């Protein structure tokens, strides 16, 4: 069992949803929530996910933003190429990619993929 204090889940949201697309913050937060639940379900039997869920009061998430849909797609491509399990949430029926969420990982294993991004500010 990995120590839960070492596990982190990255949530990356498109910053342009609030700026140029004028989405309300509640709608953006809902996108992140959908993606978190989805990736948890997808990787429910993964040992990191199991360990992460053993200490619900101490889960660690990092919520970042990318500037655009293209940068979100590039991040997803990098994660896929690096073998990092994740979920791209695509809002339906509009078919708009809104965020990417990883399953829980030890931070040192995945933080390099997220170093260039800033904390989500909305």
PDB file of N, CA and C in Angstrom:
ATOM      1  N   UNK A   1       0.846  -1.185   0.000  1.00  0.00           N
ATOM      2  CA  UNK A   1       0.000   0.000   0.000  1.00  0.00           C
ATOM      3  C   UNK A   1       0.891   1.249   0.000  1.00  0.00           C
ATOM      4  N   UNK A   2       0.615   2.140  -0.932  1.00  0.00           N
ATOM      5  CA  UNK A   2       1.355   3.411  -0.996  1.00  0.00           C
ATOM      6  C   UNK A   2       0.826   4.348   0.090  1.00  0.00           C
ATOM      7  N   UNK A   3       1.695   5.135   0.699  1.00  0.00           N
ATOM      8  CA  UNK A   3       1.194   6.098   1.675  1.00  0.00           C
ATOM      9  C   UNK A   3       0.288   7.107   0.974  1.00  0.00           C
ATOM     10  N   UNK A   4      -0.910   7.316   1.525  1.00  0.00           N
ATOM     11  CA  UNK A   4      -1.869   8.201   0.864  1.00  0.00           C
ATOM     12  C   UNK A   4      -1.360   9.625   0.812  1.00  0.00           C
ATOM     13  N   UNK A   5      -0.477  10.023   1.718  1.00  0.00           N
ATOM     14  CA  UNK A   5       0.047  11.389   1.706  1.00  0.00           C
ATOM     15  C   UNK A   5       0.916  11.646   0.476  1.00  0.00           C
ATOM     16  N   UNK A   6       1.380  10.584  -0.160  1.00  0.00           N
ATOM     17  CA  UNK A   6       2.227  10.707  -1.341  1.00  0.00           C
ATOM     18  C   UNK A   6       1.406  10.722  -2.635  1.00  0.00           C
ATOM     19  N   UNK A   7       0.126  10.394  -2.555  1.00  0.00           N
ATOM     20  CA  UNK A   7      -0.701  10.302  -3.753  1.00  0.00           C
ATOM     21  C   UNK A   7      -1.392  11.626  -4.050  1.00  0.00           C
ATOM     22  N   UNK A   8      -1.443  11.946  -5.337  1.00  0.00           N
ATOM     23  CA  UNK A   8      -2.079  13.188  -5.771  1.00  0.00           C
ATOM     24  C   UNK A   8      -2.898  12.901  -7.020  1.00  0.00           C
ATOM     25  N   UNK A   9      -3.978  13.630  -7.150  1.00  0.00           N
ATOM     26  CA  UNK A   9      -4.793  13.561  -8.357  1.00  0.00           C
ATOM     27  C   UNK A   9      -4.770  14.946  -8.999  1.00  0.00           C
ATOM     28  N   UNK A  10      -4.374  14.982 -10.267  1.00  0.00           N
ATOM     29  CA  UNK A  10      -4.330  16.246 -10.993  1.00  0.00           C
ATOM     30  C   UNK A  10      -5.638  16.463 -11.746  1.00  0.00           C
ATOM     31  N   UNK A  11      -6.185  17.664 -11.597  1.00  0.00           N
ATOM     32  CA  UNK A  11      -7.404  18.088 -12.281  1.00  0.00           C
ATOM     33  C   UNK A  11      -7.012  19.321 -13.092  1.00  0.00           C
ATOM     34  N   UNK A  12      -7.180  19.251 -14.402  1.00  0.00           N
ATOM     35  CA  UNK A  12      -6.763  20.351 -15.261  1.00  0.00           C
ATOM     36  C   UNK A  12      -7.967  20.821 -16.075  1.00  0.00           C
ATOM     37  N   UNK A  13      -8.326  22.082 -15.874  1.00  0.00           N
ATOM     38  CA  UNK A  13      -9.521  22.662 -16.474  1.00  0.00           C
ATOM     39  C   UNK A  13      -9.100  23.716 -17.503  1.00  0.00           C
ATOM     40  N   UNK A  14      -9.894  23.861 -18.532  1.00  0.00           N
ATOM     41  CA  UNK A  14      -9.651  24.906 -19.519  1.00  0.00           C
ATOM     42  C   UNK A  14      -9.972  26.275 -18.926  1.00  0.00           C
ATOM     43  N   UNK A  15      -9.000  27.149 -18.891  1.00  0.00           N
ATOM     44  CA  UNK A  15      -9.208  28.501 -18.381  1.00  0.00           C
ATOM     45  C   UNK A  15     -10.126  29.331 -19.257  1.00  0.00           C
ATOM     46  N   UNK A  16     -10.127  29.043 -20.559  1.00  0.00           N
ATOM     47  CA  UNK A  16     -10.963  29.831 -21.469  1.00  0.00           C
ATOM     48  C   UNK A  16     -12.457  29.577 -21.286  1.00  0.00           C
ATOM     49  N   UNK A  17     -12.813  28.539 -20.535  1.00  0.00           N
ATOM     50  CA  UNK A  17     -14.237  28.314 -20.271  1.00  0.00           C
ATOM     51  C   UNK A  17     -14.835  29.505 -19.526  1.00  0.00           C
ATOM     52  N   UNK A  18     -14.080  30.054 -18.578  1.00  0.00           N
ATOM     53  CA  UNK A  18     -14.598  31.186 -17.802  1.00  0.00           C
ATOM     54  C   UNK A  18     -14.319  32.527 -18.458  1.00  0.00           C
ATOM     55  N   UNK A  19     -13.242  32.606 -19.212  1.00  0.00           N
ATOM     56  CA  UNK A  19     -12.878  33.901 -19.794  1.00  0.00           C
ATOM     57  C   UNK A  19     -13.611  34.136 -21.103  1.00  0.00           C
ATOM     58  N   UNK A  20     -13.128  33.578 -22.183  1.00  0.00           N
ATOM     59  CA  UNK A  20     -13.729  33.877 -23.488  1.00  0.00           C
ATOM     60  C   UNK A  20     -15.079  33.197 -23.706  1.00  0.00           C
ATOM     61  N   UNK A  21     -15.298  32.020 -23.114  1.00  0.00           N
ATOM     62  CA  UNK A  21     -16.575  31.330 -23.321  1.00  0.00           C
ATOM     63  C   UNK A  21     -17.639  31.710 -22.292  1.00  0.00           C
ATOM     64  N   UNK A  22     -17.219  32.401 -21.222  1.00  0.00           N
ATOM     65  CA  UNK A  22     -18.139  32.949 -20.206  1.00  0.00           C
ATOM     66  C   UNK A  22     -19.003  31.897 -19.500  1.00  0.00           C
ATOM     67  N   UNK A  23     -18.431  30.721 -19.253  1.00  0.00           N
ATOM     68  CA  UNK A  23     -19.157  29.716 -18.492  1.00  0.00           C
ATOM     69  C   UNK A  23     -19.206  30.143 -17.024  1.00  0.00           C
ATOM     70  N   UNK A  24     -20.316  29.916 -16.339  1.00  0.00           N
ATOM     71  CA  UNK A  24     -20.362  30.199 -14.902  1.00  0.00           C
ATOM     72  C   UNK A  24     -19.433  29.246 -14.141  1.00  0.00           C
ATOM     73  N   UNK A  25     -18.905  29.722 -13.020  1.00  0.00           N
ATOM     74  CA  UNK A  25     -17.980  28.898 -12.238  1.00  0.00           C
ATOM     75  C   UNK A  25     -18.596  27.578 -11.795  1.00  0.00           C
ATOM     76  N   UNK A  26     -19.870  27.588 -11.462  1.00  0.00           N
ATOM     77  CA  UNK A  26     -20.535  26.345 -11.054  1.00  0.00           C
ATOM     78  C   UNK A  26     -20.495  25.297 -12.143  1.00  0.00           C
ATOM     79  N   UNK A  27     -20.692  25.713 -13.374  1.00  0.00           N
ATOM     80  CA  UNK A  27     -20.650  24.778 -14.503  1.00  0.00           C
ATOM     81  C   UNK A  27     -19.246  24.212 -14.690  1.00  0.00           C
ATOM     82  N   UNK A  28     -18.236  25.045 -14.478  1.00  0.00           N
ATOM     83  CA  UNK A  28     -16.849  24.598 -14.621  1.00  0.00           C
ATOM     84  C   UNK A  28     -16.501  23.613 -13.506  1.00  0.00           C
ATOM     85  N   UNK A  29     -16.912  23.925 -12.298  1.00  0.00           N
ATOM     86  CA  UNK A  29     -16.665  23.017 -11.177  1.00  0.00           C
ATOM     87  C   UNK A  29     -17.365  21.683 -11.415  1.00  0.00           C
ATOM     88  N   UNK A  30     -18.565  21.729 -11.965  1.00  0.00           N
ATOM     89  CA  UNK A  30     -19.293  20.493 -12.269  1.00  0.00           C
ATOM     90  C   UNK A  30     -18.512  19.623 -13.251  1.00  0.00           C
ATOM     91  N   UNK A  31     -17.859  20.245 -14.237  1.00  0.00           N
ATOM     92  CA  UNK A  31     -17.056  19.492 -15.201  1.00  0.00           C
ATOM     93  C   UNK A  31     -15.940  18.729 -14.482  1.00  0.00           C
ATOM     94  N   UNK A  32     -15.257  19.412 -13.584  1.00  0.00           N
ATOM     95  CA  UNK A  32     -14.177  18.776 -12.832  1.00  0.00           C
ATOM     96  C   UNK A  32     -14.709  17.646 -11.959  1.00  0.00           C
ATOM     97  N   UNK A  33     -15.863  17.872 -11.340  1.00  0.00           N
ATOM     98  CA  UNK A  33     -16.464  16.829 -10.500  1.00  0.00           C
ATOM     99  C   UNK A  33     -16.832  15.608 -11.329  1.00  0.00           C
ATOM    100  N   UNK A  34     -17.453  15.826 -12.490  1.00  0.00           N
ATOM    101  CA  UNK A  34     -17.797  14.702 -13.373  1.00  0.00           C
ATOM    102  C   UNK A  34     -16.554  13.901 -13.729  1.00  0.00           C
ATOM    103  N   UNK A  35     -15.500  14.599 -14.096  1.00  0.00           N
ATOM    104  CA  UNK A  35     -14.268  13.923 -14.510  1.00  0.00           C
ATOM    105  C   UNK A  35     -13.631  13.154 -13.354  1.00  0.00           C
ATOM    106  N   UNK A  36     -13.646  13.732 -12.153  1.00  0.00           N
ATOM    107  CA  UNK A  36     -13.071  13.046 -10.985  1.00  0.00           C
ATOM    108  C   UNK A  36     -13.821  11.754 -10.675  1.00  0.00           C
ATOM    109  N   UNK A  37     -15.137  11.820 -10.691  1.00  0.00           N
ATOM    110  CA  UNK A  37     -15.932  10.614 -10.425  1.00  0.00           C
ATOM    111  C   UNK A  37     -15.688   9.582 -11.522  1.00  0.00           C
ATOM    112  N   UNK A  38     -15.649  10.045 -12.756  1.00  0.00           N
ATOM    113  CA  UNK A  38     -15.453   9.142 -13.890  1.00  0.00           C
ATOM    114  C   UNK A  38     -14.120   8.405 -13.806  1.00  0.00           C
ATOM    115  N   UNK A  39     -13.039   9.135 -13.568  1.00  0.00           N
ATOM    116  CA  UNK A  39     -11.714   8.496 -13.524  1.00  0.00           C
ATOM    117  C   UNK A  39     -11.603   7.586 -12.296  1.00  0.00           C
ATOM    118  N   UNK A  40     -12.252   7.933 -11.217  1.00  0.00           N
ATOM    119  CA  UNK A  40     -12.247   7.061 -10.035  1.00  0.00           C
ATOM    120  C   UNK A  40     -12.958   5.752 -10.347  1.00  0.00           C
ATOM    121  N   UNK A  41     -14.075   5.841 -11.057  1.00  0.00           N
ATOM    122  CA  UNK A  41     -14.797   4.630 -11.452  1.00  0.00           C
ATOM    123  C   UNK A  41     -13.963   3.793 -12.438  1.00  0.00           C
ATOM    124  N   UNK A  42     -13.365   4.455 -13.415  1.00  0.00           N
ATOM    125  CA  UNK A  42     -12.583   3.743 -14.429  1.00  0.00           C
ATOM    126  C   UNK A  42     -11.417   2.957 -13.822  1.00  0.00           C
ATOM    127  N   UNK A  43     -10.796   3.531 -12.794  1.00  0.00           N
ATOM    128  CA  UNK A  43      -9.598   2.925 -12.205  1.00  0.00           C
ATOM    129  C   UNK A  43      -9.840   2.497 -10.756  1.00  0.00           C
ATOM    130  N   UNK A  44     -11.063   2.142 -10.457  1.00  0.00           N
ATOM    131  CA  UNK A  44     -11.467   1.792  -9.097  1.00  0.00           C
ATOM    132  C   UNK A  44     -10.642   0.634  -8.526  1.00  0.00           C
ATOM    133  N   UNK A  45     -10.264  -0.305  -9.359  1.00  0.00           N
ATOM    134  CA  UNK A  45      -9.525  -1.477  -8.884  1.00  0.00           C
ATOM    135  C   UNK A  45      -8.009  -1.287  -8.932  1.00  0.00           C
ATOM    136  N   UNK A  46      -7.563  -0.126  -9.365  1.00  0.00           N
ATOM    137  CA  UNK A  46      -6.142   0.194  -9.366  1.00  0.00           C
ATOM    138  C   UNK A  46      -5.669   0.393  -7.924  1.00  0.00           C
ATOM    139  N   UNK A  47      -4.481  -0.093  -7.598  1.00  0.00           N
ATOM    140  CA  UNK A  47      -4.016  -0.017  -6.208  1.00  0.00           C
ATOM    141  C   UNK A  47      -3.860   1.422  -5.720  1.00  0.00           C
ATOM    142  N   UNK A  48      -3.365   2.329  -6.579  1.00  0.00           N
ATOM    143  CA  UNK A  48      -3.251   3.728  -6.147  1.00  0.00           C
ATOM    144  C   UNK A  48      -4.617   4.308  -5.811  1.00  0.00           C
ATOM    145  N   UNK A  49      -5.611   4.002  -6.626  1.00  0.00           N
ATOM    146  CA  UNK A  49      -6.973   4.505  -6.370  1.00  0.00           C
ATOM    147  C   UNK A  49      -7.504   3.927  -5.067  1.00  0.00           C
ATOM    148  N   UNK A  50      -7.309   2.642  -4.858  1.00  0.00           N
ATOM    149  CA  UNK A  50      -7.760   2.018  -3.606  1.00  0.00           C
ATOM    150  C   UNK A  50      -7.099   2.688  -2.404  1.00  0.00           C
ATOM    151  N   UNK A  51      -5.785   2.901  -2.495  1.00  0.00           N
ATOM    152  CA  UNK A  51      -5.068   3.530  -1.391  1.00  0.00           C
ATOM    153  C   UNK A  51      -5.561   4.963  -1.159  1.00  0.00           C
ATOM    154  N   UNK A  52      -5.780   5.688  -2.236  1.00  0.00           N
ATOM    155  CA  UNK A  52      -6.249   7.086  -2.169  1.00  0.00           C
ATOM    156  C   UNK A  52      -7.593   7.169  -1.460  1.00  0.00           C
ATOM    157  N   UNK A  53      -8.441   6.174  -1.706  1.00  0.00           N
ATOM    158  CA  UNK A  53      -9.786   6.179  -1.133  1.00  0.00           C
ATOM    159  C   UNK A  53      -9.842   5.672   0.308  1.00  0.00           C
ATOM    160  N   UNK A  54      -8.721   5.198   0.838  1.00  0.00           N
ATOM    161  CA  UNK A  54      -8.735   4.709   2.219  1.00  0.00           C
ATOM    162  C   UNK A  54      -8.717   5.837   3.240  1.00  0.00           C
ATOM    163  N   UNK A  55      -8.353   7.027   2.827  1.00  0.00           N
ATOM    164  CA  UNK A  55      -8.245   8.158   3.753  1.00  0.00           C
ATOM    165  C   UNK A  55      -8.929   9.373   3.129  1.00  0.00           C
ATOM    166  N   UNK A  56     -10.252   9.318   3.062  1.00  0.00           N
ATOM    167  CA  UNK A  56     -11.032  10.331   2.347  1.00  0.00           C
ATOM    168  C   UNK A  56     -10.832  11.746   2.873  1.00  0.00           C
ATOM    169  N   UNK A  57     -10.539  11.891   4.146  1.00  0.00           N
ATOM    170  CA  UNK A  57     -10.369  13.225   4.712  1.00  0.00           C
ATOM    171  C   UNK A  57      -9.029  13.859   4.370  1.00  0.00           C
ATOM    172  N   UNK A  58      -8.158  13.106   3.723  1.00  0.00           N
ATOM    173  CA  UNK A  58      -6.830  13.633   3.401  1.00  0.00           C
ATOM    174  C   UNK A  58      -6.460  13.451   1.929  1.00  0.00           C
ATOM    175  N   UNK A  59      -7.469  13.414   1.064  1.00  0.00           N
ATOM    176  CA  UNK A  59      -7.179  13.318  -0.366  1.00  0.00           C
ATOM    177  C   UNK A  59      -6.469  14.591  -0.818  1.00  0.00           C
ATOM    178  N   UNK A  60      -5.550  14.447  -1.764  1.00  0.00           N
ATOM    179  CA  UNK A  60      -4.792  15.591  -2.276  1.00  0.00           C
ATOM    180  C   UNK A  60      -5.069  15.731  -3.764  1.00  0.00           C
ATOM    181  N   UNK A  61      -5.631  16.856  -4.151  1.00  0.00           N
ATOM    182  CA  UNK A  61      -5.865  17.185  -5.548  1.00  0.00           C
ATOM    183  C   UNK A  61      -5.162  18.494  -5.853  1.00  0.00           C
ATOM    184  N   UNK A  62      -4.668  18.607  -7.084  1.00  0.00           N
ATOM    185  CA  UNK A  62      -4.096  19.846  -7.567  1.00  0.00           C
ATOM    186  C   UNK A  62      -4.946  20.257  -8.762  1.00  0.00           C
ATOM    187  N   UNK A  63      -5.554  21.433  -8.677  1.00  0.00           N
ATOM    188  CA  UNK A  63      -6.437  21.909  -9.739  1.00  0.00           C
ATOM    189  C   UNK A  63      -5.714  23.014 -10.505  1.00  0.00           C
ATOM    190  N   UNK A  64      -5.441  22.711 -11.764  1.00  0.00           N
ATOM    191  CA  UNK A  64      -4.676  23.603 -12.629  1.00  0.00           C
ATOM    192  C   UNK A  64      -5.535  24.055 -13.804  1.00  0.00           C
ATOM    193  N   UNK A  65      -4.990  24.999 -14.572  1.00  0.00           N
ATOM    194  CA  UNK A  65      -5.699  25.415 -15.776  1.00  0.00           C
ATOM    195  C   UNK A  65      -4.758  25.439 -16.973  1.00  0.00           C
ATOM    196  N   UNK A  66      -5.344  25.144 -18.115  1.00  0.00           N
ATOM    197  CA  UNK A  66      -4.677  25.309 -19.402  1.00  0.00           C
ATOM    198  C   UNK A  66      -5.424  26.418 -20.127  1.00  0.00           C
ATOM    199  N   UNK A  67      -4.780  27.088 -21.082  1.00  0.00           N
ATOM    200  CA  UNK A  67      -5.430  28.242 -21.692  1.00  0.00           C
ATOM    201  C   UNK A  67      -6.520  27.926 -22.710  1.00  0.00           C
ATOM    202  N   UNK A  68      -6.509  26.711 -23.299  1.00  0.00           N
ATOM    203  CA  UNK A  68      -7.406  26.480 -24.431  1.00  0.00           C
ATOM    204  C   UNK A  68      -7.703  24.999 -24.635  1.00  0.00           C
ATOM    205  N   UNK A  69      -8.630  24.742 -25.526  1.00  0.00           N
ATOM    206  CA  UNK A  69      -8.941  23.365 -25.904  1.00  0.00           C
ATOM    207  C   UNK A  69      -7.715  22.673 -26.495  1.00  0.00           C
ATOM    208  N   UNK A  70      -6.990  23.371 -27.331  1.00  0.00           N
ATOM    209  CA  UNK A  70      -5.801  22.788 -27.958  1.00  0.00           C
ATOM    210  C   UNK A  70      -4.764  22.384 -26.904  1.00  0.00           C
ATOM    211  N   UNK A  71      -4.544  23.225 -25.919  1.00  0.00           N
ATOM    212  CA  UNK A  71      -3.569  22.877 -24.882  1.00  0.00           C
ATOM    213  C   UNK A  71      -4.062  21.710 -24.023  1.00  0.00           C
ATOM    214  N   UNK A  72      -5.371  21.603 -23.830  1.00  0.00           N
ATOM    215  CA  UNK A  72      -5.933  20.457 -23.111  1.00  0.00           C
ATOM    216  C   UNK A  72      -5.705  19.180 -23.907  1.00  0.00           C
ATOM    217  N   UNK A  73      -5.924  19.253 -25.194  1.00  0.00           N
ATOM    218  CA  UNK A  73      -5.698  18.080 -26.062  1.00  0.00           C
ATOM    219  C   UNK A  73      -4.215  17.681 -26.076  1.00  0.00           C
ATOM    220  N   UNK A  74      -3.331  18.671 -26.083  1.00  0.00           N
ATOM    221  CA  UNK A  74      -1.894  18.389 -26.058  1.00  0.00           C
ATOM    222  C   UNK A  74      -1.493  17.709 -24.751  1.00  0.00           C
ATOM    223  N   UNK A  75      -2.062  18.179 -23.645  1.00  0.00           N
ATOM    224  CA  UNK A  75      -1.785  17.549 -22.355  1.00  0.00           C
ATOM    225  C   UNK A  75      -2.261  16.104 -22.363  1.00  0.00           C
ATOM    226  N   UNK A  76      -3.470  15.871 -22.838  1.00  0.00           N
ATOM    227  CA  UNK A  76      -4.000  14.508 -22.892  1.00  0.00           C
ATOM    228  C   UNK A  76      -3.113  13.606 -23.747  1.00  0.00           C
ATOM    229  N   UNK A  77      -2.615  14.137 -24.846  1.00  0.00           N
ATOM    230  CA  UNK A  77      -1.722  13.371 -25.720  1.00  0.00           C
ATOM    231  C   UNK A  77      -0.423  13.026 -24.988  1.00  0.00           C
ATOM    232  N   UNK A  78       0.139  14.001 -24.275  1.00  0.00           N
ATOM    233  CA  UNK A  78       1.369  13.753 -23.505  1.00  0.00           C
ATOM    234  C   UNK A  78       1.146  12.700 -22.433  1.00  0.00           C
ATOM    235  N   UNK A  79       0.013  12.780 -21.751  1.00  0.00           N
ATOM    236  CA  UNK A  79      -0.296  11.788 -20.721  1.00  0.00           C
ATOM    237  C   UNK A  79      -0.434  10.394 -21.330  1.00  0.00           C
ATOM    238  N   UNK A  80      -1.121  10.322 -22.451  1.00  0.00           N
ATOM    239  CA  UNK A  80      -1.297   9.031 -23.118  1.00  0.00           C
ATOM    240  C   UNK A  80       0.050   8.465 -23.539  1.00  0.00           C
ATOM    241  N   UNK A  81       0.874   9.299 -24.144  1.00  0.00           N
ATOM    242  CA  UNK A  81       2.197   8.843 -24.584  1.00  0.00           C
ATOM    243  C   UNK A  81       3.068   8.422 -23.411  1.00  0.00           C
ATOM    244  N   UNK A  82       2.856   9.056 -22.242  1.00  0.00           N
ATOM    245  CA  UNK A  82       3.633   8.718 -21.055  1.00  0.00           C
ATOM    246  C   UNK A  82       3.055   7.580 -20.235  1.00  0.00           C
ATOM    247  N   UNK A  83       1.935   7.021 -20.688  1.00  0.00           N
ATOM    248  CA  UNK A  83       1.312   5.915 -19.962  1.00  0.00           C
ATOM    249  C   UNK A  83       0.643   6.333 -18.670  1.00  0.00           C
ATOM    250  N   UNK A  84       0.222   7.609 -18.581  1.00  0.00           N
ATOM    251  CA  UNK A  84      -0.437   8.125 -17.382  1.00  0.00           C
ATOM    252  C   UNK A  84      -1.944   7.969 -17.559  1.00  0.00           C
ATOM    253  N   UNK A  85      -2.551   7.175 -16.701  1.00  0.00           N
ATOM    254  CA  UNK A  85      -3.994   6.944 -16.778  1.00  0.00           C
ATOM    255  C   UNK A  85      -4.754   8.214 -16.429  1.00  0.00           C
ATOM    256  N   UNK A  86      -5.734   8.538 -17.265  1.00  0.00           N
ATOM    257  CA  UNK A  86      -6.481   9.779 -17.088  1.00  0.00           C
ATOM    258  C   UNK A  86      -7.825   9.686 -17.814  1.00  0.00           C
ATOM    259  N   UNK A  87      -8.626  10.706 -17.640  1.00  0.00           N
ATOM    260  CA  UNK A  87      -9.911  10.830 -18.331  1.00  0.00           C
ATOM    261  C   UNK A  87     -10.022  12.246 -18.860  1.00  0.00           C
ATOM    262  N   UNK A  88     -10.353  12.366 -20.135  1.00  0.00           N
ATOM    263  CA  UNK A  88     -10.702  13.661 -20.711  1.00  0.00           C
ATOM    264  C   UNK A  88     -12.215  13.767 -20.613  1.00  0.00           C
ATOM    265  N   UNK A  89     -12.699  14.760 -19.878  1.00  0.00           N
ATOM    266  CA  UNK A  89     -14.145  14.929 -19.777  1.00  0.00           C
ATOM    267  C   UNK A  89     -14.624  15.766 -20.953  1.00  0.00           C
ATOM    268  N   UNK A  90     -15.602  15.238 -21.670  1.00  0.00           N
ATOM    269  CA  UNK A  90     -16.176  15.925 -22.821  1.00  0.00           C
ATOM    270  C   UNK A  90     -17.647  16.173 -22.530  1.00  0.00           C
ATOM    271  N   UNK A  91     -17.988  17.434 -22.380  1.00  0.00           N
ATOM    272  CA  UNK A  91     -19.360  17.812 -22.070  1.00  0.00           C
ATOM    273  C   UNK A  91     -20.268  17.497 -23.257  1.00  0.00           C
ATOM    274  N   UNK A  92     -21.363  16.816 -22.941  1.00  0.00           N
ATOM    275  CA  UNK A  92     -22.353  16.442 -23.944  1.00  0.00           C
ATOM    276  C   UNK A  92     -23.665  17.169 -23.660  1.00  0.00           C
ATOM    277  N   UNK A  93     -24.465  17.472 -24.630  1.00  0.00           N
ATOM    278  CA  UNK A  93     -24.350  17.059 -26.028  1.00  0.00           C
ATOM    279  C   UNK A  93     -23.492  17.997 -26.879  1.00  0.00           C
ATOM    280  N   UNK A  94     -22.867  18.998 -26.252  1.00  0.00           N
ATOM    281  CA  UNK A  94     -22.097  19.990 -27.006  1.00  0.00           C
ATOM    282  C   UNK A  94     -20.788  19.443 -27.576  1.00  0.00           C
ATOM    283  N   UNK A  95     -20.301  18.311 -27.008  1.00  0.00           N
ATOM    284  CA  UNK A  95     -19.057  17.678 -27.446  1.00  0.00           C
ATOM    285  C   UNK A  95     -17.844  18.594 -27.229  1.00  0.00           C
ATOM    286  N   UNK A  96     -17.807  19.237 -26.047  1.00  0.00           N
ATOM    287  CA  UNK A  96     -16.736  20.180 -25.706  1.00  0.00           C
ATOM    288  C   UNK A  96     -15.809  19.548 -24.668  1.00  0.00           C
ATOM    289  N   UNK A  97     -14.532  19.334 -25.009  1.00  0.00           N
ATOM    290  CA  UNK A  97     -13.578  18.862 -23.996  1.00  0.00           C
ATOM    291  C   UNK A  97     -13.352  19.969 -22.970  1.00  0.00           C
ATOM    292  N   UNK A  98     -13.551  19.655 -21.701  1.00  0.00           N
ATOM    293  CA  UNK A  98     -13.491  20.691 -20.667  1.00  0.00           C
ATOM    294  C   UNK A  98     -12.367  20.494 -19.662  1.00  0.00           C
ATOM    295  N   UNK A  99     -11.986  19.247 -19.385  1.00  0.00           N
ATOM    296  CA  UNK A  99     -10.931  19.026 -18.401  1.00  0.00           C
ATOM    297  C   UNK A  99     -10.323  17.639 -18.546  1.00  0.00           C
ATOM    298  N   UNK A 100      -9.182  17.488 -17.903  1.00  0.00           N
ATOM    299  CA  UNK A 100      -8.463  16.218 -17.833  1.00  0.00           C
ATOM    300  C   UNK A 100      -8.189  15.945 -16.368  1.00  0.00           C
ATOM    301  N   UNK A 101      -8.431  14.702 -15.957  1.00  0.00           N
ATOM    302  CA  UNK A 101      -8.150  14.299 -14.576  1.00  0.00           C
ATOM    303  C   UNK A 101      -7.369  12.993 -14.610  1.00  0.00           C
ATOM    304  N   UNK A 102      -6.315  12.924 -13.803  1.00  0.00           N
ATOM    305  CA  UNK A 102      -5.554  11.677 -13.679  1.00  0.00           C
ATOM    306  C   UNK A 102      -6.139  10.828 -12.563  1.00  0.00           C
ATOM    307  N   UNK A 103      -5.858   9.547 -12.626  1.00  0.00           N
ATOM    308  CA  UNK A 103      -6.100   8.727 -11.444  1.00  0.00           C
ATOM    309  C   UNK A 103      -5.040   9.158 -10.422  1.00  0.00           C
ATOM    310  N   UNK A 104      -5.170   8.784  -9.163  1.00  0.00           N
ATOM    311  CA  UNK A 104      -4.137   9.129  -8.180  1.00  0.00           C
ATOM    312  C   UNK A 104      -2.802   8.463  -8.517  1.00  0.00           C
ATOM    313  N   UNK A 105      -1.748   9.243  -8.350  1.00  0.00           N
ATOM    314  CA  UNK A 105      -0.379   8.783  -8.591  1.00  0.00           C
ATOM    315  C   UNK A 105       0.530   9.348  -7.513  1.00  0.00           C
ATOM    316  N   UNK A 106       1.660   8.688  -7.255  1.00  0.00           N
ATOM    317  CA  UNK A 106       2.687   9.347  -6.455  1.00  0.00           C
ATOM    318  C   UNK A 106       3.132  10.607  -7.204  1.00  0.00           C
ATOM    319  N   UNK A 107       3.153  11.724  -6.517  1.00  0.00           N
ATOM    320  CA  UNK A 107       3.432  13.004  -7.164  1.00  0.00           C
ATOM    321  C   UNK A 107       4.708  13.002  -8.002  1.00  0.00           C
ATOM    322  N   UNK A 108       5.834  12.461  -7.502  1.00  0.00           N
ATOM    323  CA  UNK A 108       7.067  12.506  -8.299  1.00  0.00           C
ATOM    324  C   UNK A 108       6.947  11.787  -9.650  1.00  0.00           C
ATOM    325  N   UNK A 109       6.032  10.844  -9.753  1.00  0.00           N
ATOM    326  CA  UNK A 109       5.889  10.084 -10.995  1.00  0.00           C
ATOM    327  C   UNK A 109       5.225  10.899 -12.105  1.00  0.00           C
ATOM    328  N   UNK A 110       4.363  11.867 -11.748  1.00  0.00           N
ATOM    329  CA  UNK A 110       3.583  12.549 -12.786  1.00  0.00           C
ATOM    330  C   UNK A 110       3.712  14.070 -12.805  1.00  0.00           C
ATOM    331  N   UNK A 111       4.316  14.669 -11.811  1.00  0.00           N
ATOM    332  CA  UNK A 111       4.302  16.132 -11.722  1.00  0.00           C
ATOM    333  C   UNK A 111       4.965  16.815 -12.913  1.00  0.00           C
ATOM    334  N   UNK A 112       5.879  16.147 -13.596  1.00  0.00           N
ATOM    335  CA  UNK A 112       6.556  16.756 -14.746  1.00  0.00           C
ATOM    336  C   UNK A 112       5.573  17.114 -15.866  1.00  0.00           C
ATOM    337  N   UNK A 113       4.472  16.392 -15.969  1.00  0.00           N
ATOM    338  CA  UNK A 113       3.488  16.668 -17.017  1.00  0.00           C
ATOM    339  C   UNK A 113       2.709  17.965 -16.754  1.00  0.00           C
ATOM    340  N   UNK A 114       2.755  18.447 -15.519  1.00  0.00           N
ATOM    341  CA  UNK A 114       1.905  19.558 -15.111  1.00  0.00           C
ATOM    342  C   UNK A 114       2.691  20.799 -14.697  1.00  0.00           C
ATOM    343  N   UNK A 115       4.005  20.721 -14.767  1.00  0.00           N
ATOM    344  CA  UNK A 115       4.866  21.804 -14.250  1.00  0.00           C
ATOM    345  C   UNK A 115       4.617  23.156 -14.913  1.00  0.00           C
ATOM    346  N   UNK A 116       4.238  23.161 -16.158  1.00  0.00           N
ATOM    347  CA  UNK A 116       4.080  24.439 -16.875  1.00  0.00           C
ATOM    348  C   UNK A 116       2.742  25.138 -16.602  1.00  0.00           C
ATOM    349  N   UNK A 117       1.820  24.460 -15.940  1.00  0.00           N
ATOM    350  CA  UNK A 117       0.478  25.013 -15.760  1.00  0.00           C
ATOM    351  C   UNK A 117       0.323  25.701 -14.419  1.00  0.00           C
ATOM    352  N   UNK A 118      -0.546  26.704 -14.382  1.00  0.00           N
ATOM    353  CA  UNK A 118      -0.819  27.458 -13.154  1.00  0.00           C
ATOM    354  C   UNK A 118      -2.049  26.909 -12.448  1.00  0.00           C
ATOM    355  N   UNK A 119      -2.155  27.238 -11.164  1.00  0.00           N
ATOM    356  CA  UNK A 119      -3.347  26.881 -10.429  1.00  0.00           C
ATOM    357  C   UNK A 119      -4.568  27.493 -11.082  1.00  0.00           C
ATOM    358  N   UNK A 120      -5.687  26.783 -11.039  1.00  0.00           N
ATOM    359  CA  UNK A 120      -6.925  27.297 -11.628  1.00  0.00           C
ATOM    360  C   UNK A 120      -7.379  28.545 -10.866  1.00  0.00           C
ATOM    361  N   UNK A 121      -7.664  29.592 -11.614  1.00  0.00           N
ATOM    362  CA  UNK A 121      -8.119  30.854 -11.018  1.00  0.00           C
ATOM    363  C   UNK A 121      -9.518  31.217 -11.452  1.00  0.00           C
ATOM    364  N   UNK A 122      -9.981  30.608 -12.515  1.00  0.00           N
ATOM    365  CA  UNK A 122     -11.312  30.916 -13.009  1.00  0.00           C
ATOM    366  C   UNK A 122     -11.379  32.195 -13.794  1.00  0.00           C
TER     367      UNK A 122
END
